Protein backbone atom coordinates (compact mmCIF):
# COMPACT_ATOMS: atom_id res chain seq x y z
CA MET A 1 194.16 64.78 164.03
CA PRO A 2 197.87 64.95 164.95
CA PRO A 3 200.33 64.55 162.07
CA LYS A 4 201.83 61.14 161.37
CA LEU A 5 205.61 61.24 160.88
CA THR A 6 207.38 58.24 159.36
CA PHE A 7 211.12 57.97 158.79
CA ILE A 8 212.23 55.98 155.73
CA PRO A 9 215.72 54.50 156.23
CA PRO A 10 218.23 54.78 153.37
CA GLY A 11 217.43 52.37 150.55
CA GLU A 12 214.00 51.44 151.93
CA ALA A 13 210.44 52.39 151.02
CA ARG A 14 207.15 52.89 152.84
CA ALA A 15 203.50 53.00 151.75
CA PHE A 16 200.95 55.46 153.13
CA PRO A 17 197.17 55.31 152.78
CA VAL A 18 196.18 58.96 152.26
CA SER A 19 192.64 60.33 152.35
CA LYS A 20 191.34 62.97 149.96
CA GLY A 21 192.12 66.42 151.34
CA ALA A 22 195.02 65.25 153.49
CA LEU A 23 198.26 67.21 153.59
CA ILE A 24 201.48 65.39 152.67
CA ARG A 25 204.98 66.65 153.41
CA ILE A 26 207.94 64.80 151.93
CA ILE A 27 210.89 65.97 154.01
CA ASN A 28 214.58 65.79 153.16
CA SER A 29 215.37 65.11 156.80
CA GLU A 30 219.05 64.27 156.23
CA GLY A 31 219.79 66.50 153.22
CA HIS A 32 220.67 65.82 149.56
CA GLN A 33 218.45 62.73 149.34
CA VAL A 34 216.33 61.77 146.32
CA VAL A 35 212.91 60.25 147.07
CA ASP A 36 211.26 58.18 144.33
CA THR A 37 207.53 58.74 144.73
CA TRP A 38 204.43 57.01 143.35
CA ALA A 39 200.73 57.51 144.00
CA PHE A 40 197.96 55.03 143.17
CA ASN A 41 194.21 55.47 143.31
CA ARG A 42 193.20 53.53 146.40
CA SER A 43 190.28 51.99 144.52
CA SER A 44 192.39 50.74 141.60
CA SER A 45 196.16 50.42 141.27
CA ASN A 46 195.64 50.60 137.50
CA GLU A 47 195.18 54.37 137.95
CA PHE A 48 198.37 56.05 139.09
CA LEU A 49 200.21 59.36 139.17
CA SER A 50 201.68 59.77 135.69
CA MET A 51 204.65 61.94 134.85
CA ALA A 52 203.86 61.81 131.12
CA HIS A 53 200.22 62.82 131.58
CA SER A 54 201.15 65.53 134.10
CA ARG A 55 203.71 67.00 131.70
CA SER A 56 201.06 66.97 128.97
CA SER A 57 198.42 68.59 131.18
CA LEU A 58 200.76 71.29 132.54
CA TYR A 59 202.94 71.71 129.46
CA HIS A 60 206.22 71.89 131.37
CA LEU A 61 208.87 69.36 132.32
CA PHE A 62 209.20 70.20 135.99
CA PHE A 63 206.45 71.00 138.45
CA LYS A 64 206.04 73.89 140.90
CA PRO A 65 203.66 75.16 143.61
CA GLY A 66 200.17 75.64 142.22
CA ASP A 67 200.47 72.73 139.79
CA THR A 68 198.01 69.84 139.98
CA LEU A 69 199.49 66.54 138.85
CA VAL A 70 197.22 64.03 137.17
CA SER A 71 196.82 60.30 136.75
CA ASN A 72 197.18 58.19 133.63
CA ARG A 73 193.46 58.92 133.17
CA PHE A 74 194.02 62.69 133.35
CA ARG A 75 192.31 62.98 136.73
CA PRO A 76 193.75 65.22 139.48
CA MET A 77 195.80 63.32 142.07
CA LEU A 78 198.19 65.70 143.85
CA THR A 79 198.45 69.49 144.06
CA ILE A 80 201.76 71.10 145.03
CA LEU A 81 201.11 73.62 147.81
CA LYS A 82 204.61 74.58 148.92
CA ASP A 83 208.25 73.79 148.14
CA THR A 84 211.04 74.95 150.46
CA SER A 85 213.74 73.19 148.43
CA PRO A 86 215.54 74.66 145.38
CA GLY A 87 212.74 73.12 143.32
CA ASN A 88 214.50 70.27 141.52
CA HIS A 89 212.16 67.29 141.16
CA ASP A 90 212.94 65.13 138.13
CA THR A 91 210.07 63.77 136.04
CA LEU A 92 212.13 61.98 133.37
CA HIS A 93 214.13 59.13 134.89
CA ALA A 94 212.85 55.61 135.41
CA ALA A 95 213.27 54.12 138.86
CA CYS A 96 216.57 52.43 139.58
CA SER A 97 216.24 48.65 139.27
CA SER A 98 218.32 45.50 139.27
CA GLU A 99 218.28 45.74 135.46
CA SER A 100 219.47 49.35 135.42
CA ASN A 101 222.19 48.51 137.95
CA GLN A 102 223.38 45.76 135.63
CA TYR A 103 223.12 48.04 132.58
CA TYR A 104 225.37 50.65 134.20
CA GLY A 105 227.84 48.10 135.52
CA ALA A 106 226.81 48.25 139.17
CA ASP A 107 225.94 45.38 141.48
CA HIS A 108 222.51 44.24 140.28
CA LEU A 109 221.78 42.90 143.78
CA HIS A 110 222.11 46.39 145.28
CA PRO A 111 218.79 47.63 146.76
CA ASN A 112 216.70 49.59 144.28
CA CYS A 113 213.49 51.61 144.11
CA GLN A 114 211.71 49.40 141.58
CA ASP A 115 212.04 46.30 143.75
CA ASN A 116 211.04 48.38 146.79
CA LEU A 117 207.81 49.37 145.04
CA LYS A 118 207.05 45.86 143.79
CA THR A 119 207.60 44.38 147.25
CA ILE A 120 205.29 46.90 148.90
CA MET A 121 202.50 46.50 146.35
CA HIS A 122 202.75 42.70 146.48
CA ALA A 123 202.46 42.86 150.28
CA ARG A 124 199.29 44.94 149.81
CA GLU A 125 198.00 42.21 147.45
CA THR A 126 197.99 44.67 144.55
CA PRO A 127 200.81 43.44 142.30
CA LEU A 128 201.67 45.74 139.41
CA GLN A 129 201.45 44.82 135.74
CA ALA A 130 204.06 47.51 135.00
CA VAL A 131 206.10 49.98 137.04
CA PRO A 132 205.09 53.61 136.43
CA CYS A 133 207.79 56.23 136.07
CA PRO A 134 208.30 57.74 139.53
CA TRP A 135 208.29 61.39 140.48
CA ASN A 136 211.92 61.74 141.58
CA ILE A 137 211.50 64.31 144.32
CA PHE A 138 214.62 66.37 145.10
CA GLU A 139 216.50 64.89 142.11
CA ARG A 140 218.39 67.48 140.08
CA ALA A 141 218.28 66.50 136.40
CA VAL A 142 219.67 69.24 134.15
CA ILE A 143 218.73 69.51 130.47
CA LEU A 144 221.63 71.00 128.51
CA PRO A 145 221.14 73.27 125.45
CA ASP A 146 221.85 70.38 123.07
CA GLY A 147 219.15 68.28 124.74
CA GLU A 148 221.57 66.09 126.68
CA LEU A 149 220.44 65.07 130.15
CA LYS A 150 222.88 65.48 133.04
CA ASP A 151 222.47 64.43 136.67
CA GLU A 152 223.73 66.68 139.45
CA PRO A 153 223.80 66.02 143.20
CA SER A 154 220.59 67.02 144.96
CA LEU A 155 220.69 70.56 146.37
CA ALA A 156 218.00 69.90 148.98
CA ALA A 157 219.15 70.91 152.47
CA ILE A 158 218.29 69.23 155.75
CA GLY A 159 214.65 70.02 156.53
CA ASP A 160 213.60 71.06 153.01
CA TYR A 161 210.16 69.71 152.13
CA LEU A 162 207.56 69.46 149.40
CA GLU A 163 203.98 69.96 150.58
CA LEU A 164 201.16 68.32 148.65
CA ASN A 165 197.38 68.05 148.83
CA ALA A 166 195.76 64.71 148.04
CA GLU A 167 192.99 65.20 145.47
CA VAL A 168 191.70 61.61 145.81
CA ASN A 169 191.96 58.72 148.25
CA LEU A 170 195.31 57.23 147.35
CA VAL A 171 198.21 55.04 148.33
CA LEU A 172 201.47 56.97 148.37
CA VAL A 173 204.75 55.04 148.08
CA CYS A 174 208.08 56.75 148.81
CA SER A 175 211.51 55.15 148.39
CA ALA A 176 214.67 56.76 149.79
CA CYS A 177 216.65 56.09 146.64
CA PRO A 178 219.77 53.96 147.23
CA SER A 179 221.25 54.45 143.75
CA LEU A 180 224.98 55.15 143.61
CA ILE A 181 224.88 55.71 139.84
CA GLY A 182 225.33 59.36 138.87
CA ASN A 183 225.91 60.67 142.42
CA ILE A 184 222.35 61.98 142.63
CA SER A 185 222.33 61.96 146.45
CA SER A 186 225.68 63.70 146.90
CA GLY A 187 227.81 60.64 147.51
CA GLN A 188 225.80 58.66 150.02
CA PRO A 189 222.15 57.59 150.15
CA ARG A 190 220.34 58.91 153.19
CA GLY A 191 216.92 58.63 154.76
CA ALA A 192 213.82 60.79 154.38
CA THR A 193 210.66 61.52 156.35
CA VAL A 194 207.01 61.63 155.30
CA GLU A 195 204.40 63.55 157.28
CA ILE A 196 200.68 63.00 156.73
CA VAL A 197 198.18 65.46 158.18
CA ASP A 198 194.53 64.44 157.92
CA GLN A 199 192.57 67.68 157.55
CA GLN A 200 189.22 66.14 158.43
């Protein structure tokens, strides 16, 4: 089947039903943009891609080609096939939210990834009991020698992409992060593109 390309405008999110074995490319189509990413088992939103469980299963903080990321039930969900970016994909930060905007002194009404996810899942009639930590694709979080965490602008260039294989039938949600806290998207939130290729 031909690939399905979907552009996500800055500050917005989109959901994608993805079949097992499908190829996913998350593309930094405008450069330097962070994409908050979640994956849920299509049969049950209570099973989701878990950063904590993936770090435990792989025993490293950041993921690379060849790694299989797991759910909160330690079942394979996504395998990284290829990464044309510098390889910075944060696994530590919570999604930006109205509460985090308020905490950091920003406008709490500013669009945010947590509300984007909640709105999408509610529209799919699968409201969430809690918001999982996202996989912050293209976000450059640097851990300093003293353990301090420092955010740097994303180094992803226009056209850089992360290529993934779906290990189960899932719902993928991607949010082109609108956060202006920490300058993670090099000064200005931009859009991103998701490509789904059904291999069957």
